[in-house]
Amino acid sequence: MVQMATILLVDNDPLQAFVRKSVLENGFSDVQRVGDAAEALCLVEQPQFAANLGLVVSGQHMAGIGGPAFVAELQLRMPSLPVLVLDSGNDVAGDYTGECVHFVAKPFENGEILARANQMIAHRERTAA
């Protein structure tokens, strides 16, 4: 049986997170949402969760650690993990580094999030094979 990758959505805005999670669930059966970077990093430290993690989708304006620092920490812990950063209107793509990090600038359609997530997971599966 093929295990579907887990998508981790990190977004502290409940309404926005609900919409984005619903969009992602149109293409993925396992979408988990956390409200902040610290919670996401705790999950990544759990081997069983990390083994199935296929993509992190990060919203912005998180309490505590900011977007670029969060993504940098994720890349230290899991260098090949794809991260999709959704622009909040104040972010700059140049603040994010790493070949597995993709930045989507506003304005974007919800369908673009799903399409980009599919592309990133497919690319990771091809390069891991």
Protein backbone atom coordinates (compact mmCIF):
# COMPACT_ATOMS: atom_id res chain seq x y z
CA MET A 1 0.00 0.00 0.00
CA VAL A 2 1.35 3.42 -0.98
CA GLN A 3 1.48 5.93 1.88
CA MET A 4 0.20 9.37 0.95
CA ALA A 5 2.42 12.22 2.01
CA THR A 6 1.34 14.40 4.91
CA ILE A 7 0.96 18.11 4.22
CA LEU A 8 1.65 20.37 7.20
CA LEU A 9 -0.09 23.75 7.05
CA VAL A 10 1.35 26.36 9.42
CA ASP A 11 -1.04 29.29 9.74
CA ASN A 12 -2.23 31.19 12.81
CA ASP A 13 -5.28 32.78 11.14
CA PRO A 14 -8.17 30.34 11.80
CA LEU A 15 -10.37 31.45 8.89
CA GLN A 16 -7.53 31.60 6.39
CA ALA A 17 -6.19 28.26 7.62
CA PHE A 18 -9.64 26.66 7.25
CA VAL A 19 -9.88 27.80 3.62
CA ARG A 20 -6.32 26.74 2.77
CA LYS A 21 -6.72 23.38 4.50
CA SER A 22 -9.94 22.76 2.57
CA VAL A 23 -8.20 23.62 -0.71
CA LEU A 24 -5.30 21.26 0.06
CA GLU A 25 -7.69 18.47 1.07
CA ASN A 26 -9.03 18.54 -2.51
CA GLY A 27 -5.74 16.96 -3.56
CA PHE A 28 -4.34 15.34 -0.44
CA SER A 29 -5.91 13.00 2.08
CA ASP A 30 -3.67 13.94 5.04
CA VAL A 31 -3.47 17.67 5.76
CA GLN A 32 -2.51 18.68 9.30
CA ARG A 33 -2.74 22.26 10.53
CA VAL A 34 -0.79 23.91 13.34
CA GLY A 35 -1.04 27.49 14.52
CA ASP A 36 2.61 28.42 14.86
CA ALA A 37 6.19 27.58 13.98
CA ALA A 38 7.04 26.14 17.40
CA GLU A 39 4.24 23.58 17.12
CA ALA A 40 5.37 22.70 13.59
CA LEU A 41 8.97 22.19 14.72
CA CYS A 42 7.79 19.94 17.56
CA LEU A 43 5.92 17.75 15.06
CA VAL A 44 8.95 17.57 12.76
CA GLU A 45 10.95 16.18 15.68
CA GLN A 46 8.60 13.19 15.93
CA PRO A 47 10.13 10.45 13.73
CA GLN A 48 6.83 8.87 12.68
CA PHE A 49 5.37 12.24 11.67
CA ALA A 50 8.57 13.35 9.92
CA ALA A 51 8.78 10.08 7.95
CA ASN A 52 5.43 10.79 6.24
CA LEU A 53 5.86 14.55 5.88
CA GLY A 54 5.90 15.52 2.21
CA LEU A 55 5.44 19.30 2.26
CA VAL A 56 5.12 22.25 4.60
CA VAL A 57 2.86 25.12 3.54
CA SER A 58 3.62 28.20 5.61
CA GLY A 59 1.45 31.24 6.09
CA GLN A 60 2.99 34.33 7.61
CA HIS A 61 2.66 36.69 10.57
CA MET A 62 3.24 33.86 12.99
CA ALA A 63 3.78 34.63 16.65
CA GLY A 64 7.30 33.97 17.85
CA ILE A 65 9.74 32.86 15.16
CA GLY A 66 9.18 34.67 11.85
CA GLY A 67 8.75 33.12 8.42
CA PRO A 68 12.36 33.23 7.13
CA ALA A 69 13.79 31.98 10.45
CA PHE A 70 11.17 29.20 10.60
CA VAL A 71 11.94 28.04 7.08
CA ALA A 72 15.70 28.16 7.76
CA GLU A 73 15.21 26.01 10.88
CA LEU A 74 13.08 23.52 8.92
CA GLN A 75 15.80 23.29 6.28
CA LEU A 76 18.42 22.56 8.95
CA ARG A 77 16.33 19.71 10.34
CA MET A 78 15.03 18.29 7.04
CA PRO A 79 17.09 19.67 4.11
CA SER A 80 15.15 17.87 1.37
CA LEU A 81 11.69 18.81 2.69
CA PRO A 82 9.81 21.07 0.28
CA VAL A 83 8.41 24.26 1.80
CA LEU A 84 5.80 26.42 0.09
CA VAL A 85 5.78 29.97 1.48
CA LEU A 86 2.62 31.98 0.90
CA ASP A 87 3.28 35.71 0.65
CA SER A 88 1.52 37.84 3.25
CA GLY A 89 2.07 41.07 1.36
CA ASN A 90 5.09 42.02 3.48
CA ASP A 91 7.44 39.19 2.57
CA VAL A 92 10.24 39.19 0.05
CA ALA A 93 11.20 36.05 -1.86
CA GLY A 94 14.89 36.89 -1.27
CA ASP A 95 14.35 36.40 2.48
CA TYR A 96 13.91 32.67 1.84
CA THR A 97 16.75 30.45 0.69
CA GLY A 98 17.09 26.81 -0.21
CA GLU A 99 16.46 24.83 -3.35
CA CYS A 100 13.41 23.14 -1.81
CA VAL A 101 11.76 26.45 -0.85
CA HIS A 102 9.21 28.00 -3.19
CA PHE A 103 7.61 31.39 -2.68
CA VAL A 104 4.17 32.33 -4.02
CA ALA A 105 3.56 36.06 -4.13
CA LYS A 106 0.19 37.78 -3.75
CA PRO A 107 -2.17 37.85 -5.45
CA PHE A 108 -2.64 34.11 -5.84
CA GLU A 109 -5.67 31.90 -6.32
CA ASN A 110 -6.39 29.06 -3.91
CA GLY A 111 -6.09 26.65 -6.85
CA GLU A 112 -2.51 27.83 -7.34
CA ILE A 113 -1.67 26.59 -3.83
CA LEU A 114 -2.96 23.11 -4.69
CA ALA A 115 -1.22 23.04 -8.07
CA ARG A 116 2.10 24.15 -6.60
CA ALA A 117 1.80 21.63 -3.74
CA ASN A 118 1.20 18.83 -6.26
CA GLN A 119 4.23 19.92 -8.32
CA MET A 120 6.51 20.10 -5.30
CA ILE A 121 5.52 16.68 -3.95
CA ALA A 122 5.79 15.08 -7.40
CA HIS A 123 9.27 16.58 -7.84
CA ARG A 124 10.37 15.30 -4.43
CA GLU A 125 9.10 11.80 -5.22
CA ARG A 126 10.90 11.78 -8.59
CA THR A 127 14.20 12.92 -7.10
CA ALA A 128 13.94 10.49 -4.17
CA ALA A 129 13.35 7.49 -6.45
